Amino acid sequence: MTTPSLSTDAAPQPGVLSWLRFTLLWLALAGLLYPLVTTLAAGALFPRQANGSLIEQGGKVVGSALVGQTFTGNTYFVGRPSAAGAGYDPTNASGSNLAVSNPALRERAQAGAREIAARENVAASQIPVDLLTTSGAGLDPHISPAGAELQVARVARVRGLDAAQVRALVAANTERGALGLGQPGVNVLRLNLALDAAR
């Protein structure tokens, strides 16, 4: 007795409607349900971060702990340069995309070095590199502790504060990444708000 062989040609093939149902199911699961669940979970577990880590002062939002701002005047610490739009524009986040060999990058860094050297009364060789270069997105709200230290004397002098008091504020606003990993960074917005509060 011979066993009948099964032919794959005779097996029913899924039709267009089956593939359409499959596609719609995964669109609903991966495109709607998953983002909805993760957004709700993030809002419940990390409400401050999920809403942009906004910083309020006197009931008014003054910025975000995650996005830098432009500060002018000798009374404030100055952050990194930004290539995002007109500066720290979150809708236009990007680096300058200039190669190290590009003369425009060199000229911009040299102009920045001259400005900082004059403002801080130091030699250009003393300026930390983060004060001359933009971050990848152009939104970095942090400067290095060395970048903050370079500005301590000016800010203390103009505000009539003791340099040790300003250094203490710098230390209080120095942050590390999650679990203490990564390089320390000084949050410029928080530091400047702390300076205003210390008057």
N, C-alpha and C. Protein backbone atom coordinates (compact mmCIF):
# COMPACT_ATOMS: atom_id res chain seq x y z
N MET A 1 0.86 -1.18 0.00
CA MET A 1 0.00 0.00 0.00
C MET A 1 0.90 1.24 0.00
N THR A 2 0.68 2.12 -0.90
CA THR A 2 1.50 3.32 -1.01
C THR A 2 0.82 4.49 -0.31
N THR A 3 1.68 5.31 0.32
CA THR A 3 1.15 6.50 1.00
C THR A 3 1.02 7.63 -0.01
N PRO A 4 -0.15 8.27 -0.03
CA PRO A 4 -0.31 9.37 -1.00
C PRO A 4 0.63 10.52 -0.65
N SER A 5 1.29 11.05 -1.63
CA SER A 5 2.20 12.19 -1.41
C SER A 5 1.40 13.48 -1.37
N LEU A 6 1.86 14.39 -0.47
CA LEU A 6 1.18 15.68 -0.34
C LEU A 6 1.82 16.66 -1.30
N SER A 7 1.05 17.29 -2.06
CA SER A 7 1.55 18.28 -3.02
C SER A 7 1.38 19.67 -2.44
N THR A 8 2.47 20.44 -2.46
CA THR A 8 2.38 21.82 -1.96
C THR A 8 1.58 22.68 -2.90
N ASP A 9 1.45 22.23 -4.12
CA ASP A 9 0.67 23.02 -5.08
C ASP A 9 -0.80 23.05 -4.69
N ALA A 10 -1.22 21.96 -3.99
CA ALA A 10 -2.63 21.88 -3.64
C ALA A 10 -2.96 22.63 -2.36
N ALA A 11 -1.92 23.07 -1.57
CA ALA A 11 -2.17 23.77 -0.31
C ALA A 11 -2.78 25.13 -0.60
N PRO A 12 -3.74 25.54 0.23
CA PRO A 12 -4.36 26.85 -0.02
C PRO A 12 -3.37 27.98 0.26
N GLN A 13 -3.30 28.93 -0.60
CA GLN A 13 -2.41 30.08 -0.46
C GLN A 13 -3.19 31.25 0.14
N PRO A 14 -2.52 32.01 1.05
CA PRO A 14 -3.24 33.15 1.61
C PRO A 14 -3.55 34.16 0.52
N GLY A 15 -4.72 34.71 0.60
CA GLY A 15 -5.12 35.69 -0.39
C GLY A 15 -4.75 37.10 0.04
N VAL A 16 -5.10 38.04 -0.79
CA VAL A 16 -4.78 39.45 -0.53
C VAL A 16 -5.46 39.91 0.75
N LEU A 17 -6.65 39.43 1.02
CA LEU A 17 -7.37 39.85 2.23
C LEU A 17 -6.65 39.38 3.49
N SER A 18 -6.06 38.18 3.44
CA SER A 18 -5.32 37.68 4.60
C SER A 18 -4.12 38.57 4.88
N TRP A 19 -3.37 38.93 3.84
CA TRP A 19 -2.20 39.80 4.01
C TRP A 19 -2.62 41.19 4.47
N LEU A 20 -3.73 41.67 4.00
CA LEU A 20 -4.22 42.98 4.41
C LEU A 20 -4.61 42.97 5.89
N ARG A 21 -5.29 41.88 6.33
CA ARG A 21 -5.65 41.77 7.75
C ARG A 21 -4.39 41.69 8.62
N PHE A 22 -3.40 40.91 8.18
CA PHE A 22 -2.14 40.78 8.91
C PHE A 22 -1.45 42.15 9.03
N THR A 23 -1.39 42.89 7.94
CA THR A 23 -0.76 44.21 7.93
C THR A 23 -1.49 45.17 8.86
N LEU A 24 -2.81 45.18 8.79
CA LEU A 24 -3.60 46.08 9.65
C LEU A 24 -3.45 45.73 11.12
N LEU A 25 -3.36 44.42 11.42
CA LEU A 25 -3.18 43.99 12.80
C LEU A 25 -1.85 44.53 13.35
N TRP A 26 -0.76 44.37 12.59
CA TRP A 26 0.55 44.82 13.08
C TRP A 26 0.68 46.34 13.07
N LEU A 27 -0.02 46.99 12.17
CA LEU A 27 -0.05 48.46 12.22
C LEU A 27 -0.73 48.93 13.50
N ALA A 28 -1.81 48.26 13.86
CA ALA A 28 -2.52 48.64 15.09
C ALA A 28 -1.68 48.34 16.32
N LEU A 29 -1.02 47.16 16.35
CA LEU A 29 -0.23 46.78 17.51
C LEU A 29 1.05 47.63 17.63
N ALA A 30 1.83 47.68 16.57
CA ALA A 30 3.13 48.36 16.63
C ALA A 30 3.05 49.86 16.40
N GLY A 31 2.05 50.28 15.64
CA GLY A 31 1.96 51.71 15.32
C GLY A 31 1.05 52.50 16.24
N LEU A 32 0.13 51.82 16.92
CA LEU A 32 -0.81 52.54 17.79
C LEU A 32 -0.73 52.08 19.24
N LEU A 33 -0.93 50.78 19.46
CA LEU A 33 -1.02 50.27 20.83
C LEU A 33 0.31 50.39 21.57
N TYR A 34 1.41 49.94 20.96
CA TYR A 34 2.71 50.00 21.63
C TYR A 34 3.11 51.44 21.97
N PRO A 35 3.06 52.40 21.02
CA PRO A 35 3.39 53.79 21.40
C PRO A 35 2.47 54.35 22.48
N LEU A 36 1.19 53.99 22.44
CA LEU A 36 0.26 54.48 23.46
C LEU A 36 0.63 53.94 24.83
N VAL A 37 0.93 52.65 24.93
CA VAL A 37 1.28 52.04 26.22
C VAL A 37 2.58 52.64 26.75
N THR A 38 3.61 52.77 25.89
CA THR A 38 4.89 53.31 26.35
C THR A 38 4.78 54.77 26.74
N THR A 39 3.97 55.54 26.01
CA THR A 39 3.78 56.95 26.36
C THR A 39 3.07 57.09 27.70
N LEU A 40 2.03 56.30 27.92
CA LEU A 40 1.31 56.35 29.20
C LEU A 40 2.20 55.88 30.35
N ALA A 41 2.99 54.82 30.10
CA ALA A 41 3.88 54.32 31.15
C ALA A 41 4.95 55.35 31.49
N ALA A 42 5.51 56.01 30.47
CA ALA A 42 6.53 57.03 30.72
C ALA A 42 5.94 58.20 31.50
N GLY A 43 4.72 58.60 31.14
CA GLY A 43 4.08 59.70 31.85
C GLY A 43 3.77 59.36 33.30
N ALA A 44 3.44 58.09 33.55
CA ALA A 44 3.12 57.68 34.92
C ALA A 44 4.39 57.48 35.75
N LEU A 45 5.42 56.87 35.17
CA LEU A 45 6.63 56.57 35.92
C LEU A 45 7.59 57.76 36.01
N PHE A 46 7.67 58.56 34.95
CA PHE A 46 8.61 59.68 34.90
C PHE A 46 7.89 60.93 34.39
N PRO A 47 6.95 61.48 35.16
CA PRO A 47 6.14 62.60 34.65
C PRO A 47 6.96 63.84 34.31
N ARG A 48 7.96 64.17 35.11
CA ARG A 48 8.76 65.37 34.85
C ARG A 48 9.53 65.23 33.54
N GLN A 49 10.20 64.09 33.37
CA GLN A 49 10.99 63.87 32.16
C GLN A 49 10.10 63.77 30.93
N ALA A 50 8.94 63.11 31.07
CA ALA A 50 8.05 62.93 29.94
C ALA A 50 7.48 64.26 29.44
N ASN A 51 7.46 65.25 30.31
CA ASN A 51 6.95 66.57 29.92
C ASN A 51 8.07 67.55 29.59
N GLY A 52 9.27 67.05 29.34
CA GLY A 52 10.35 67.91 28.87
C GLY A 52 11.29 68.41 29.94
N SER A 53 11.21 67.89 31.15
CA SER A 53 12.08 68.33 32.26
C SER A 53 12.08 69.86 32.38
N LEU A 54 10.89 70.42 32.38
CA LEU A 54 10.75 71.88 32.42
C LEU A 54 11.16 72.42 33.79
N ILE A 55 11.76 73.60 33.76
CA ILE A 55 12.17 74.28 34.99
C ILE A 55 11.27 75.49 35.16
N GLU A 56 10.64 75.59 36.33
CA GLU A 56 9.75 76.71 36.61
C GLU A 56 10.36 77.61 37.67
N GLN A 57 10.05 78.88 37.56
CA GLN A 57 10.47 79.84 38.56
C GLN A 57 9.33 80.84 38.74
N GLY A 58 8.83 80.92 39.96
CA GLY A 58 7.70 81.81 40.23
C GLY A 58 6.46 81.42 39.45
N GLY A 59 6.25 80.11 39.24
CA GLY A 59 5.07 79.64 38.52
C GLY A 59 5.16 79.80 37.01
N LYS A 60 6.31 80.21 36.50
CA LYS A 60 6.48 80.42 35.06
C LYS A 60 7.60 79.52 34.55
N VAL A 61 7.37 78.87 33.41
CA VAL A 61 8.40 78.02 32.82
C VAL A 61 9.50 78.91 32.24
N VAL A 62 10.74 78.66 32.68
CA VAL A 62 11.87 79.47 32.22
C VAL A 62 12.80 78.68 31.31
N GLY A 63 12.54 77.40 31.13
CA GLY A 63 13.38 76.60 30.24
C GLY A 63 13.27 75.13 30.57
N SER A 64 14.14 74.37 29.94
CA SER A 64 14.20 72.93 30.16
C SER A 64 15.60 72.56 30.63
N ALA A 65 15.65 71.57 31.49
CA ALA A 65 16.96 71.08 31.96
C ALA A 65 17.70 70.33 30.86
N LEU A 66 17.00 70.05 29.76
CA LEU A 66 17.58 69.26 28.67
C LEU A 66 18.00 70.08 27.46
N VAL A 67 17.63 71.36 27.43
CA VAL A 67 17.92 72.20 26.26
C VAL A 67 18.64 73.46 26.73
N GLY A 68 19.76 73.75 26.11
CA GLY A 68 20.53 74.93 26.47
C GLY A 68 19.82 76.22 26.08
N GLN A 69 20.33 77.32 26.58
CA GLN A 69 19.81 78.65 26.25
C GLN A 69 20.98 79.60 26.03
N THR A 70 20.70 80.66 25.31
CA THR A 70 21.72 81.68 25.11
C THR A 70 21.68 82.67 26.27
N PHE A 71 22.82 82.88 26.91
CA PHE A 71 22.93 83.86 27.99
C PHE A 71 23.93 84.93 27.56
N THR A 72 23.55 86.16 27.79
CA THR A 72 24.43 87.27 27.45
C THR A 72 24.67 88.09 28.71
N GLY A 73 25.71 88.88 28.69
CA GLY A 73 26.03 89.71 29.84
C GLY A 73 27.04 89.02 30.73
N ASN A 74 27.85 89.79 31.39
CA ASN A 74 28.93 89.25 32.21
C ASN A 74 28.46 88.66 33.53
N THR A 75 27.19 88.84 33.87
CA THR A 75 26.70 88.31 35.15
C THR A 75 26.36 86.83 35.07
N TYR A 76 26.36 86.25 33.86
CA TYR A 76 25.93 84.86 33.69
C TYR A 76 27.04 83.99 33.13
N PHE A 77 26.95 82.71 33.46
CA PHE A 77 27.79 81.72 32.81
C PHE A 77 27.27 81.52 31.39
N VAL A 78 28.18 81.30 30.47
CA VAL A 78 27.82 81.13 29.06
C VAL A 78 28.01 79.67 28.69
N GLY A 79 27.04 79.12 27.95
CA GLY A 79 27.09 77.72 27.55
C GLY A 79 27.87 77.49 26.28
N ARG A 80 27.72 76.31 25.75
CA ARG A 80 28.40 75.94 24.50
C ARG A 80 27.77 76.69 23.33
N PRO A 81 28.52 76.87 22.25
CA PRO A 81 27.90 77.41 21.04
C PRO A 81 26.88 76.41 20.51
N SER A 82 25.91 76.89 19.75
CA SER A 82 24.88 76.02 19.19
C SER A 82 24.76 76.25 17.70
N ALA A 83 24.62 75.14 16.96
CA ALA A 83 24.40 75.23 15.52
C ALA A 83 22.95 74.91 15.18
N ALA A 84 22.09 74.84 16.19
CA ALA A 84 20.67 74.50 15.96
C ALA A 84 19.88 75.77 15.67
N GLY A 85 19.62 76.02 14.41
CA GLY A 85 18.88 77.22 14.02
C GLY A 85 19.61 78.46 14.44
N ALA A 86 18.89 79.38 15.06
CA ALA A 86 19.50 80.61 15.57
C ALA A 86 20.17 80.37 16.92
N GLY A 87 20.15 79.15 17.38
CA GLY A 87 20.77 78.80 18.65
C GLY A 87 19.80 78.09 19.57
N TYR A 88 20.10 76.84 19.88
CA TYR A 88 19.31 76.01 20.79
C TYR A 88 17.85 75.87 20.35
N ASP A 89 17.61 75.85 19.05
CA ASP A 89 16.25 75.70 18.52
C ASP A 89 15.91 74.22 18.44
N PRO A 90 15.05 73.69 19.33
CA PRO A 90 14.78 72.26 19.33
C PRO A 90 14.08 71.76 18.07
N THR A 91 13.45 72.66 17.32
CA THR A 91 12.81 72.24 16.07
C THR A 91 13.82 72.17 14.93
N ASN A 92 15.04 72.61 15.18
CA ASN A 92 16.06 72.61 14.14
C ASN A 92 17.37 72.04 14.69
N ALA A 93 17.24 71.00 15.50
CA ALA A 93 18.40 70.42 16.18
C ALA A 93 19.32 69.75 15.18
N SER A 94 20.57 70.16 15.20
CA SER A 94 21.59 69.52 14.37
C SER A 94 22.93 70.13 14.71
N GLY A 95 23.97 69.39 14.38
CA GLY A 95 25.32 69.93 14.50
C GLY A 95 25.63 70.77 13.27
N SER A 96 26.81 71.32 13.24
CA SER A 96 27.20 72.15 12.10
C SER A 96 27.54 71.32 10.88
N ASN A 97 27.87 70.03 11.10
CA ASN A 97 28.28 69.12 10.02
C ASN A 97 29.51 69.62 9.28
N LEU A 98 30.33 70.42 9.93
CA LEU A 98 31.57 70.88 9.33
C LEU A 98 32.70 69.94 9.72
N ALA A 99 33.47 69.50 8.73
CA ALA A 99 34.61 68.63 9.00
C ALA A 99 35.72 69.42 9.67
N VAL A 100 36.61 68.71 10.33
CA VAL A 100 37.74 69.36 11.00
C VAL A 100 38.59 70.13 10.00
N SER A 101 38.63 69.63 8.78
CA SER A 101 39.43 70.29 7.74
C SER A 101 38.74 71.51 7.12
N ASN A 102 37.49 71.76 7.48
CA ASN A 102 36.74 72.87 6.88
C ASN A 102 37.24 74.21 7.44
N PRO A 103 37.64 75.14 6.56
CA PRO A 103 38.12 76.44 7.05
C PRO A 103 37.07 77.22 7.84
N ALA A 104 35.78 77.04 7.52
CA ALA A 104 34.72 77.75 8.24
C ALA A 104 34.68 77.34 9.70
N LEU A 105 34.92 76.06 9.98
CA LEU A 105 34.94 75.59 11.37
C LEU A 105 36.13 76.18 12.11
N ARG A 106 37.27 76.20 11.45
CA ARG A 106 38.46 76.77 12.07
C ARG A 106 38.26 78.25 12.37
N GLU A 107 37.69 78.98 11.42
CA GLU A 107 37.46 80.42 11.61
C GLU A 107 36.47 80.67 12.75
N ARG A 108 35.41 79.86 12.80
CA ARG A 108 34.43 80.04 13.87
C ARG A 108 35.06 79.76 15.23
N ALA A 109 35.86 78.69 15.32
CA ALA A 109 36.52 78.36 16.60
C ALA A 109 37.51 79.45 17.00
N GLN A 110 38.24 80.00 16.03
CA GLN A 110 39.20 81.06 16.34
C GLN A 110 38.50 82.33 16.79
N ALA A 111 37.38 82.66 16.14
CA ALA A 111 36.61 83.84 16.56
C ALA A 111 36.05 83.65 17.96
N GLY A 112 35.54 82.44 18.24
CA GLY A 112 35.04 82.14 19.58
C GLY A 112 36.14 82.22 20.61
N ALA A 113 37.31 81.72 20.27
CA ALA A 113 38.44 81.75 21.20
C ALA A 113 38.86 83.18 21.52
N ARG A 114 38.87 84.04 20.50
CA ARG A 114 39.23 85.45 20.74
C ARG A 114 38.21 86.12 21.66
N GLU A 115 36.92 85.84 21.42
CA GLU A 115 35.86 86.44 22.24
C GLU A 115 35.95 85.97 23.69
N ILE A 116 36.11 84.66 23.88
CA ILE A 116 36.19 84.11 25.24
C ILE A 116 37.44 84.60 25.95
N ALA A 117 38.58 84.61 25.23
CA ALA A 117 39.84 85.05 25.84
C ALA A 117 39.72 86.49 26.33
N ALA A 118 39.06 87.35 25.54
CA ALA A 118 38.88 88.74 25.95
C ALA A 118 37.92 88.85 27.12
N ARG A 119 36.84 88.08 27.09
CA ARG A 119 35.82 88.17 28.14
C ARG A 119 36.35 87.64 29.47
N GLU A 120 37.11 86.54 29.42
CA GLU A 120 37.58 85.89 30.65
C GLU A 120 38.99 86.33 31.04
N ASN A 121 39.63 87.12 30.18
CA ASN A 121 41.00 87.60 30.45
C ASN A 121 41.97 86.43 30.64
N VAL A 122 41.94 85.51 29.67
CA VAL A 122 42.82 84.35 29.69
C VAL A 122 43.43 84.18 28.30
N ALA A 123 44.44 83.33 28.22
CA ALA A 123 45.02 82.98 26.92
C ALA A 123 44.10 81.99 26.22
N ALA A 124 44.08 82.04 24.90
CA ALA A 124 43.22 81.14 24.12
C ALA A 124 43.54 79.68 24.41
N SER A 125 44.79 79.38 24.73
CA SER A 125 45.20 77.99 25.01
C SER A 125 44.57 77.45 26.30
N GLN A 126 44.04 78.31 27.15
CA GLN A 126 43.43 77.88 28.41
C GLN A 126 41.95 77.55 28.28
N ILE A 127 41.37 77.80 27.11
CA ILE A 127 39.92 77.63 26.93
C ILE A 127 39.60 76.15 26.69
N PRO A 128 38.74 75.55 27.50
CA PRO A 128 38.33 74.15 27.26
C PRO A 128 37.62 74.02 25.92
N VAL A 129 37.82 72.91 25.27
CA VAL A 129 37.32 72.72 23.91
C VAL A 129 35.80 72.78 23.82
N ASP A 130 35.09 72.40 24.90
CA ASP A 130 33.63 72.40 24.82
C ASP A 130 33.05 73.80 24.70
N LEU A 131 33.80 74.84 25.10
CA LEU A 131 33.32 76.21 24.96
C LEU A 131 33.49 76.73 23.54
N LEU A 132 34.21 75.96 22.71
CA LEU A 132 34.46 76.38 21.32
C LEU A 132 33.73 75.53 20.31
N THR A 133 33.22 74.38 20.72
CA THR A 133 32.59 73.45 19.77
C THR A 133 31.12 73.23 20.13
N THR A 134 30.34 72.94 19.10
CA THR A 134 28.92 72.65 19.32
C THR A 134 28.76 71.16 19.62
N SER A 135 27.65 70.82 20.25
CA SER A 135 27.35 69.41 20.50
C SER A 135 26.72 68.82 19.24
N GLY A 136 26.49 67.52 19.24
CA GLY A 136 25.93 66.86 18.06
C GLY A 136 24.59 67.41 17.64
N ALA A 137 23.71 67.69 18.59
CA ALA A 137 22.39 68.23 18.26
C ALA A 137 22.33 69.74 18.38
N GLY A 138 23.35 70.33 18.99
CA GLY A 138 23.34 71.78 19.18
C GLY A 138 22.46 72.24 20.32
N LEU A 139 22.03 71.31 21.18
CA LEU A 139 21.10 71.66 22.26
C LEU A 139 21.68 71.43 23.65
N ASP A 140 22.92 71.01 23.74
CA ASP A 140 23.51 70.61 25.03
C ASP A 140 23.40 71.72 26.07
N PRO A 141 22.75 71.44 27.21
CA PRO A 141 22.61 72.47 28.25
C PRO A 141 23.79 72.49 29.22
N HIS A 142 24.78 71.64 29.01
CA HIS A 142 25.89 71.49 29.94
C HIS A 142 27.20 72.04 29.38
N ILE A 143 28.06 72.45 30.29
CA ILE A 143 29.45 72.72 29.97
C ILE A 143 30.29 71.88 30.93
N SER A 144 31.53 71.69 30.60
CA SER A 144 32.41 70.90 31.47
C SER A 144 32.71 71.68 32.74
N PRO A 145 33.08 71.00 33.81
CA PRO A 145 33.51 71.72 35.01
C PRO A 145 34.66 72.68 34.72
N ALA A 146 35.56 72.31 33.81
CA ALA A 146 36.65 73.21 33.44
C ALA A 146 36.12 74.45 32.73
N GLY A 147 35.09 74.28 31.90
CA GLY A 147 34.47 75.43 31.23
C GLY A 147 33.80 76.36 32.21
N ALA A 148 33.23 75.79 33.27
CA ALA A 148 32.61 76.63 34.31
C ALA A 148 33.67 77.32 35.14
N GLU A 149 34.74 76.58 35.50
CA GLU A 149 35.81 77.16 36.31
C GLU A 149 36.44 78.36 35.62
N LEU A 150 36.56 78.31 34.31
CA LEU A 150 37.13 79.42 33.55
C LEU A 150 36.33 80.71 33.74
N GLN A 151 35.02 80.57 34.01
CA GLN A 151 34.13 81.73 34.09
C GLN A 151 33.86 82.20 35.52
N VAL A 152 34.33 81.43 36.51
CA VAL A 152 34.03 81.73 37.91
C VAL A 152 34.51 83.13 38.31
N ALA A 153 35.74 83.47 37.98
CA ALA A 153 36.31 84.75 38.42
C ALA A 153 35.50 85.92 37.87
N ARG A 154 35.12 85.87 36.60
CA ARG A 154 34.35 86.96 36.00
C ARG A 154 32.99 87.11 36.67
N VAL A 155 32.26 85.99 36.80
CA VAL A 155 30.92 86.05 37.37
C VAL A 155 30.98 86.52 38.82
N ALA A 156 31.94 86.03 39.59
CA ALA A 156 32.07 86.43 41.00
C ALA A 156 32.37 87.93 41.09
N ARG A 157 33.28 88.41 40.25
CA ARG A 157 33.66 89.83 40.28
C ARG A 157 32.47 90.74 39.92
N VAL A 158 31.78 90.41 38.84
CA VAL A 158 30.68 91.27 38.37
C VAL A 158 29.51 91.24 39.34
N ARG A 159 29.26 90.11 39.94
CA ARG A 159 28.13 90.00 40.88
C ARG A 159 28.50 90.40 42.30
N GLY A 160 29.76 90.64 42.57
CA GLY A 160 30.18 91.00 43.92
C GLY A 160 30.08 89.84 44.89
N LEU A 161 30.29 88.63 44.38
CA LEU A 161 30.22 87.44 45.22
C LEU A 161 31.63 86.90 45.46
N ASP A 162 31.75 86.10 46.50
CA ASP A 162 33.02 85.43 46.75
C ASP A 162 33.17 84.28 45.75
N ALA A 163 34.37 84.10 45.20
CA ALA A 163 34.60 83.04 44.22
C ALA A 163 34.26 81.67 44.79
N ALA A 164 34.52 81.47 46.08
CA ALA A 164 34.21 80.17 46.71
C ALA A 164 32.70 79.91 46.70
N GLN A 165 31.90 80.98 46.89
CA GLN A 165 30.45 80.83 46.85
C GLN A 165 29.99 80.44 45.44
N VAL A 166 30.59 81.05 44.42
CA VAL A 166 30.23 80.72 43.04
C VAL A 166 30.66 79.29 42.72
N ARG A 167 31.84 78.88 43.18
CA ARG A 167 32.29 77.50 42.95
C ARG A 167 31.35 76.49 43.62
N ALA A 168 30.84 76.85 44.78
CA ALA A 168 29.89 75.96 45.47
C ALA A 168 28.62 75.80 44.65
N LEU A 169 28.16 76.88 44.01
CA LEU A 169 26.97 76.80 43.15
C LEU A 169 27.27 75.96 41.91
N VAL A 170 28.48 76.10 41.37
CA VAL A 170 28.88 75.27 40.23
C VAL A 170 28.84 73.80 40.63
N ALA A 171 29.41 73.47 41.78
CA ALA A 171 29.42 72.08 42.25
C ALA A 171 28.01 71.55 42.47
N ALA A 172 27.13 72.39 43.00
CA ALA A 172 25.75 71.97 43.27
C ALA A 172 24.96 71.72 41.99
N ASN A 173 25.40 72.31 40.89
CA ASN A 173 24.70 72.15 39.62
C ASN A 173 25.48 71.32 38.62
N THR A 174 26.43 70.54 39.14
CA THR A 174 27.18 69.61 38.30
C THR A 174 26.46 68.27 38.35
N GLU A 175 26.20 67.72 37.18
CA GLU A 175 25.41 66.49 37.07
C GLU A 175 26.21 65.42 36.35
N ARG A 176 25.82 64.17 36.61
CA ARG A 176 26.36 63.03 35.87
C ARG A 176 25.19 62.32 35.21
N GLY A 177 25.51 61.42 34.29
CA GLY A 177 24.47 60.65 33.63
C GLY A 177 23.79 59.68 34.58
N ALA A 178 22.88 58.89 34.04
CA ALA A 178 22.17 57.89 34.84
C ALA A 178 23.17 56.94 35.50
N LEU A 179 22.90 56.59 36.73
CA LEU A 179 23.73 55.68 37.52
C LEU A 179 25.14 56.22 37.75
N GLY A 180 25.29 57.53 37.63
CA GLY A 180 26.59 58.14 37.87
C GLY A 180 27.60 57.92 36.76
N LEU A 181 27.13 57.47 35.59
CA LEU A 181 28.03 57.20 34.47
C LEU A 181 28.20 58.44 33.61
N GLY A 182 29.23 58.46 32.82
CA GLY A 182 29.47 59.57 31.90
C GLY A 182 30.27 60.68 32.55
N GLN A 183 30.66 61.62 31.71
CA GLN A 183 31.44 62.76 32.18
C GLN A 183 30.55 63.74 32.95
N PRO A 184 31.06 64.38 33.99
CA PRO A 184 30.25 65.38 34.69
C PRO A 184 30.03 66.60 33.81
N GLY A 185 28.88 67.21 33.97
CA GLY A 185 28.55 68.43 33.22
C GLY A 185 27.81 69.40 34.11
N VAL A 186 28.06 70.69 33.91
CA VAL A 186 27.41 71.73 34.70
C VAL A 186 26.21 72.24 33.91
N ASN A 187 25.01 72.15 34.49
CA ASN A 187 23.81 72.63 33.82
C ASN A 187 23.79 74.15 33.91
N VAL A 188 23.97 74.82 32.77
CA VAL A 188 24.15 76.27 32.76
C VAL A 188 22.88 77.01 33.19
N LEU A 189 21.72 76.56 32.74
CA LEU A 189 20.48 77.23 33.12
C LEU A 189 20.26 77.14 34.63
N ARG A 190 20.41 75.95 35.19
CA ARG A 190 20.21 75.79 36.64
C ARG A 190 21.23 76.61 37.42
N LEU A 191 22.46 76.64 36.94
CA LEU A 191 23.50 77.41 37.62
C LEU A 191 23.17 78.89 37.60
N ASN A 192 22.74 79.42 36.45
CA ASN A 192 22.42 80.84 36.37
C ASN A 192 21.20 81.21 37.20
N LEU A 193 20.23 80.31 37.28
CA LEU A 193 19.07 80.56 38.15
C LEU A 193 19.50 80.55 39.61
N ALA A 194 20.41 79.66 39.97
CA ALA A 194 20.92 79.63 41.35
C ALA A 194 21.69 80.90 41.67
N LEU A 195 22.42 81.42 40.69
CA LEU A 195 23.14 82.68 40.89
C LEU A 195 22.17 83.83 41.14
N ASP A 196 21.10 83.88 40.36
CA ASP A 196 20.10 84.93 40.55
C ASP A 196 19.47 84.84 41.92
N ALA A 197 19.24 83.62 42.39
CA ALA A 197 18.64 83.43 43.71
C ALA A 197 19.59 83.77 44.83
N ALA A 198 20.91 83.77 44.56
CA ALA A 198 21.90 84.01 45.60
C ALA A 198 22.19 85.49 45.80
N ARG A 199 21.58 86.36 45.03
CA ARG A 199 21.86 87.80 45.14
C ARG A 199 21.57 88.33 46.51
